[in-house]
């Protein structure tokens, strides 16, 4: 899934999603849950290597 598509599903701009992914900006807890739901994973899986 591309940043733009994920951003659209989550309800943020592609720029904001890029900042979340690069670590330049931290998403809120609500946004973390929204991202996890969009990806079909649990929040903790977003942090696994």
PDB file of N, CA and C in Angstrom:
ATOM      1  N   UNK A   1       0.843  -1.171   0.000  1.00  0.00           N
ATOM      2  CA  UNK A   1       0.000   0.000   0.000  1.00  0.00           C
ATOM      3  C   UNK A   1       0.895   1.243   0.000  1.00  0.00           C
ATOM      4  N   UNK A   2       0.544   2.217  -0.806  1.00  0.00           N
ATOM      5  CA  UNK A   2       1.328   3.445  -0.916  1.00  0.00           C
ATOM      6  C   UNK A   2       0.941   4.419   0.197  1.00  0.00           C
ATOM      7  N   UNK A   3       1.859   5.354   0.513  1.00  0.00           N
ATOM      8  CA  UNK A   3       1.605   6.355   1.554  1.00  0.00           C
ATOM      9  C   UNK A   3       0.294   7.088   1.321  1.00  0.00           C
ATOM     10  N   UNK A   4       0.076   7.525   0.081  1.00  0.00           N
ATOM     11  CA  UNK A   4      -1.124   8.287  -0.233  1.00  0.00           C
ATOM     12  C   UNK A   4      -2.396   7.509   0.030  1.00  0.00           C
ATOM     13  N   UNK A   5      -2.398   6.239  -0.345  1.00  0.00           N
ATOM     14  CA  UNK A   5      -3.572   5.386  -0.122  1.00  0.00           C
ATOM     15  C   UNK A   5      -3.804   5.164   1.369  1.00  0.00           C
ATOM     16  N   UNK A   6      -2.727   4.882   2.098  1.00  0.00           N
ATOM     17  CA  UNK A   6      -2.842   4.693   3.543  1.00  0.00           C
ATOM     18  C   UNK A   6      -3.303   5.986   4.204  1.00  0.00           C
ATOM     19  N   UNK A   7      -2.732   7.098   3.802  1.00  0.00           N
ATOM     20  CA  UNK A   7      -3.116   8.394   4.361  1.00  0.00           C
ATOM     21  C   UNK A   7      -4.600   8.658   4.155  1.00  0.00           C
ATOM     22  N   UNK A   8      -5.098   8.339   2.969  1.00  0.00           N
ATOM     23  CA  UNK A   8      -6.514   8.546   2.671  1.00  0.00           C
ATOM     24  C   UNK A   8      -7.385   7.680   3.576  1.00  0.00           C
ATOM     25  N   UNK A   9      -7.005   6.436   3.773  1.00  0.00           N
ATOM     26  CA  UNK A   9      -7.772   5.530   4.647  1.00  0.00           C
ATOM     27  C   UNK A   9      -7.762   6.013   6.091  1.00  0.00           C
ATOM     28  N   UNK A  10      -6.645   6.613   6.504  1.00  0.00           N
ATOM     29  CA  UNK A  10      -6.483   7.057   7.889  1.00  0.00           C
ATOM     30  C   UNK A  10      -7.088   8.443   8.107  1.00  0.00           C
ATOM     31  N   UNK A  11      -7.206   9.224   7.037  1.00  0.00           N
ATOM     32  CA  UNK A  11      -7.777  10.553   7.154  1.00  0.00           C
ATOM     33  C   UNK A  11      -6.762  11.643   7.434  1.00  0.00           C
ATOM     34  N   UNK A  12      -5.527  11.446   6.948  1.00  0.00           N
ATOM     35  CA  UNK A  12      -4.483  12.461   7.080  1.00  0.00           C
ATOM     36  C   UNK A  12      -3.881  12.711   5.702  1.00  0.00           C
ATOM     37  N   UNK A  13      -3.060  13.750   5.600  1.00  0.00           N
ATOM     38  CA  UNK A  13      -2.404  14.029   4.326  1.00  0.00           C
ATOM     39  C   UNK A  13      -1.279  13.022   4.089  1.00  0.00           C
ATOM     40  N   UNK A  14      -0.876  12.880   2.836  1.00  0.00           N
ATOM     41  CA  UNK A  14       0.254  12.007   2.505  1.00  0.00           C
ATOM     42  C   UNK A  14       1.521  12.524   3.191  1.00  0.00           C
ATOM     43  N   UNK A  15       1.642  13.843   3.305  1.00  0.00           N
ATOM     44  CA  UNK A  15       2.802  14.443   3.964  1.00  0.00           C
ATOM     45  C   UNK A  15       2.837  14.038   5.443  1.00  0.00           C
ATOM     46  N   UNK A  16       1.701  14.107   6.124  1.00  0.00           N
ATOM     47  CA  UNK A  16       1.641  13.712   7.535  1.00  0.00           C
ATOM     48  C   UNK A  16       1.988  12.232   7.689  1.00  0.00           C
ATOM     49  N   UNK A  17       1.464  11.393   6.789  1.00  0.00           N
ATOM     50  CA  UNK A  17       1.763   9.957   6.870  1.00  0.00           C
ATOM     51  C   UNK A  17       3.255   9.726   6.700  1.00  0.00           C
ATOM     52  N   UNK A  18       3.871  10.429   5.761  1.00  0.00           N
ATOM     53  CA  UNK A  18       5.315  10.312   5.570  1.00  0.00           C
ATOM     54  C   UNK A  18       6.081  10.715   6.813  1.00  0.00           C
ATOM     55  N   UNK A  19       5.595  11.745   7.506  1.00  0.00           N
ATOM     56  CA  UNK A  19       6.251  12.181   8.743  1.00  0.00           C
ATOM     57  C   UNK A  19       6.099  11.144   9.841  1.00  0.00           C
ATOM     58  N   UNK A  20       4.946  10.497   9.920  1.00  0.00           N
ATOM     59  CA  UNK A  20       4.749   9.426  10.901  1.00  0.00           C
ATOM     60  C   UNK A  20       5.721   8.279  10.623  1.00  0.00           C
ATOM     61  N   UNK A  21       5.799   7.880   9.375  1.00  0.00           N
ATOM     62  CA  UNK A  21       6.618   6.728   8.994  1.00  0.00           C
ATOM     63  C   UNK A  21       8.108   7.015   9.183  1.00  0.00           C
ATOM     64  N   UNK A  22       8.522   8.237   8.890  1.00  0.00           N
ATOM     65  CA  UNK A  22       9.943   8.591   9.019  1.00  0.00           C
ATOM     66  C   UNK A  22      10.346   8.925  10.445  1.00  0.00           C
ATOM     67  N   UNK A  23       9.362   9.077  11.336  1.00  0.00           N
ATOM     68  CA  UNK A  23       9.671   9.400  12.721  1.00  0.00           C
ATOM     69  C   UNK A  23       9.812  10.891  12.991  1.00  0.00           C
ATOM     70  N   UNK A  24       9.509  11.723  12.016  1.00  0.00           N
ATOM     71  CA  UNK A  24       9.586  13.172  12.201  1.00  0.00           C
ATOM     72  C   UNK A  24       8.442  13.690  13.066  1.00  0.00           C
ATOM     73  N   UNK A  25       7.345  12.953  13.095  1.00  0.00           N
ATOM     74  CA  UNK A  25       6.154  13.364  13.830  1.00  0.00           C
ATOM     75  C   UNK A  25       5.531  12.126  14.457  1.00  0.00           C
ATOM     76  N   UNK A  26       5.038  12.255  15.674  1.00  0.00           N
ATOM     77  CA  UNK A  26       4.393  11.138  16.351  1.00  0.00           C
ATOM     78  C   UNK A  26       2.885  11.231  16.203  1.00  0.00           C
ATOM     79  N   UNK A  27       2.244  10.149  15.754  1.00  0.00           N
ATOM     80  CA  UNK A  27       0.785  10.162  15.650  1.00  0.00           C
ATOM     81  C   UNK A  27       0.148  10.023  17.035  1.00  0.00           C
ATOM     82  N   UNK A  28      -1.065  10.510  17.166  1.00  0.00           N
ATOM     83  CA  UNK A  28      -1.803  10.341  18.422  1.00  0.00           C
ATOM     84  C   UNK A  28      -2.159   8.867  18.595  1.00  0.00           C
ATOM     85  N   UNK A  29      -2.565   8.507  19.781  1.00  0.00           N
ATOM     86  CA  UNK A  29      -2.973   7.130  20.045  1.00  0.00           C
ATOM     87  C   UNK A  29      -4.169   6.758  19.163  1.00  0.00           C
ATOM     88  N   UNK A  30      -5.096   7.675  19.012  1.00  0.00           N
ATOM     89  CA  UNK A  30      -6.243   7.441  18.127  1.00  0.00           C
ATOM     90  C   UNK A  30      -5.756   7.147  16.708  1.00  0.00           C
ATOM     91  N   UNK A  31      -4.810   7.956  16.223  1.00  0.00           N
ATOM     92  CA  UNK A  31      -4.306   7.798  14.864  1.00  0.00           C
ATOM     93  C   UNK A  31      -3.559   6.475  14.724  1.00  0.00           C
ATOM     94  N   UNK A  32      -2.828   6.062  15.756  1.00  0.00           N
ATOM     95  CA  UNK A  32      -2.147   4.757  15.719  1.00  0.00           C
ATOM     96  C   UNK A  32      -3.158   3.632  15.520  1.00  0.00           C
ATOM     97  N   UNK A  33      -4.264   3.710  16.234  1.00  0.00           N
ATOM     98  CA  UNK A  33      -5.300   2.684  16.087  1.00  0.00           C
ATOM     99  C   UNK A  33      -5.906   2.721  14.686  1.00  0.00           C
ATOM    100  N   UNK A  34      -6.088   3.908  14.145  1.00  0.00           N
ATOM    101  CA  UNK A  34      -6.640   4.054  12.802  1.00  0.00           C
ATOM    102  C   UNK A  34      -5.685   3.476  11.758  1.00  0.00           C
ATOM    103  N   UNK A  35      -4.398   3.731  11.927  1.00  0.00           N
ATOM    104  CA  UNK A  35      -3.383   3.187  11.009  1.00  0.00           C
ATOM    105  C   UNK A  35      -3.364   1.664  11.085  1.00  0.00           C
ATOM    106  N   UNK A  36      -3.365   1.133  12.312  1.00  0.00           N
ATOM    107  CA  UNK A  36      -3.358  -0.321  12.493  1.00  0.00           C
ATOM    108  C   UNK A  36      -4.591  -0.951  11.850  1.00  0.00           C
ATOM    109  N   UNK A  37      -5.756  -0.343  12.060  1.00  0.00           N
ATOM    110  CA  UNK A  37      -6.988  -0.868  11.448  1.00  0.00           C
ATOM    111  C   UNK A  37      -6.889  -0.861   9.923  1.00  0.00           C
ATOM    112  N   UNK A  38      -6.355   0.218   9.364  1.00  0.00           N
ATOM    113  CA  UNK A  38      -6.229   0.324   7.908  1.00  0.00           C
ATOM    114  C   UNK A  38      -5.300  -0.751   7.348  1.00  0.00           C
ATOM    115  N   UNK A  39      -4.298  -1.128   8.136  1.00  0.00           N
ATOM    116  CA  UNK A  39      -3.345  -2.146   7.704  1.00  0.00           C
ATOM    117  C   UNK A  39      -3.766  -3.566   8.090  1.00  0.00           C
ATOM    118  N   UNK A  40      -4.807  -3.679   8.922  1.00  0.00           N
ATOM    119  CA  UNK A  40      -5.276  -4.987   9.352  1.00  0.00           C
ATOM    120  C   UNK A  40      -4.361  -5.657  10.355  1.00  0.00           C
ATOM    121  N   UNK A  41      -3.727  -4.850  11.215  1.00  0.00           N
ATOM    122  CA  UNK A  41      -2.824  -5.380  12.232  1.00  0.00           C
ATOM    123  C   UNK A  41      -3.166  -4.768  13.588  1.00  0.00           C
ATOM    124  N   UNK A  42      -2.524  -5.267  14.636  1.00  0.00           N
ATOM    125  CA  UNK A  42      -2.663  -4.683  15.969  1.00  0.00           C
ATOM    126  C   UNK A  42      -1.638  -3.565  16.112  1.00  0.00           C
ATOM    127  N   UNK A  43      -1.922  -2.622  16.996  1.00  0.00           N
ATOM    128  CA  UNK A  43      -1.029  -1.483  17.203  1.00  0.00           C
ATOM    129  C   UNK A  43       0.384  -1.953  17.543  1.00  0.00           C
ATOM    130  N   UNK A  44       0.513  -2.944  18.385  1.00  0.00           N
ATOM    131  CA  UNK A  44       1.864  -3.398  18.790  1.00  0.00           C
ATOM    132  C   UNK A  44       2.666  -3.925  17.595  1.00  0.00           C
ATOM    133  N   UNK A  45       1.972  -4.446  16.587  1.00  0.00           N
ATOM    134  CA  UNK A  45       2.671  -4.940  15.401  1.00  0.00           C
ATOM    135  C   UNK A  45       3.326  -3.802  14.592  1.00  0.00           C
ATOM    136  N   UNK A  46       2.830  -2.594  14.771  1.00  0.00           N
ATOM    137  CA  UNK A  46       3.442  -1.452  14.078  1.00  0.00           C
ATOM    138  C   UNK A  46       4.849  -1.179  14.581  1.00  0.00           C
ATOM    139  N   UNK A  47       5.158  -1.663  15.797  1.00  0.00           N
ATOM    140  CA  UNK A  47       6.437  -1.393  16.418  1.00  0.00           C
ATOM    141  C   UNK A  47       7.408  -2.568  16.376  1.00  0.00           C
ATOM    142  N   UNK A  48       6.952  -3.704  15.866  1.00  0.00           N
ATOM    143  CA  UNK A  48       7.825  -4.876  15.776  1.00  0.00           C
ATOM    144  C   UNK A  48       8.768  -4.738  14.595  1.00  0.00           C
ATOM    145  N   UNK A  49       9.947  -5.265  14.764  1.00  0.00           N
ATOM    146  CA  UNK A  49      10.937  -5.201  13.678  1.00  0.00           C
ATOM    147  C   UNK A  49      10.912  -6.446  12.836  1.00  0.00           C
TER     148      UNK A  49
END
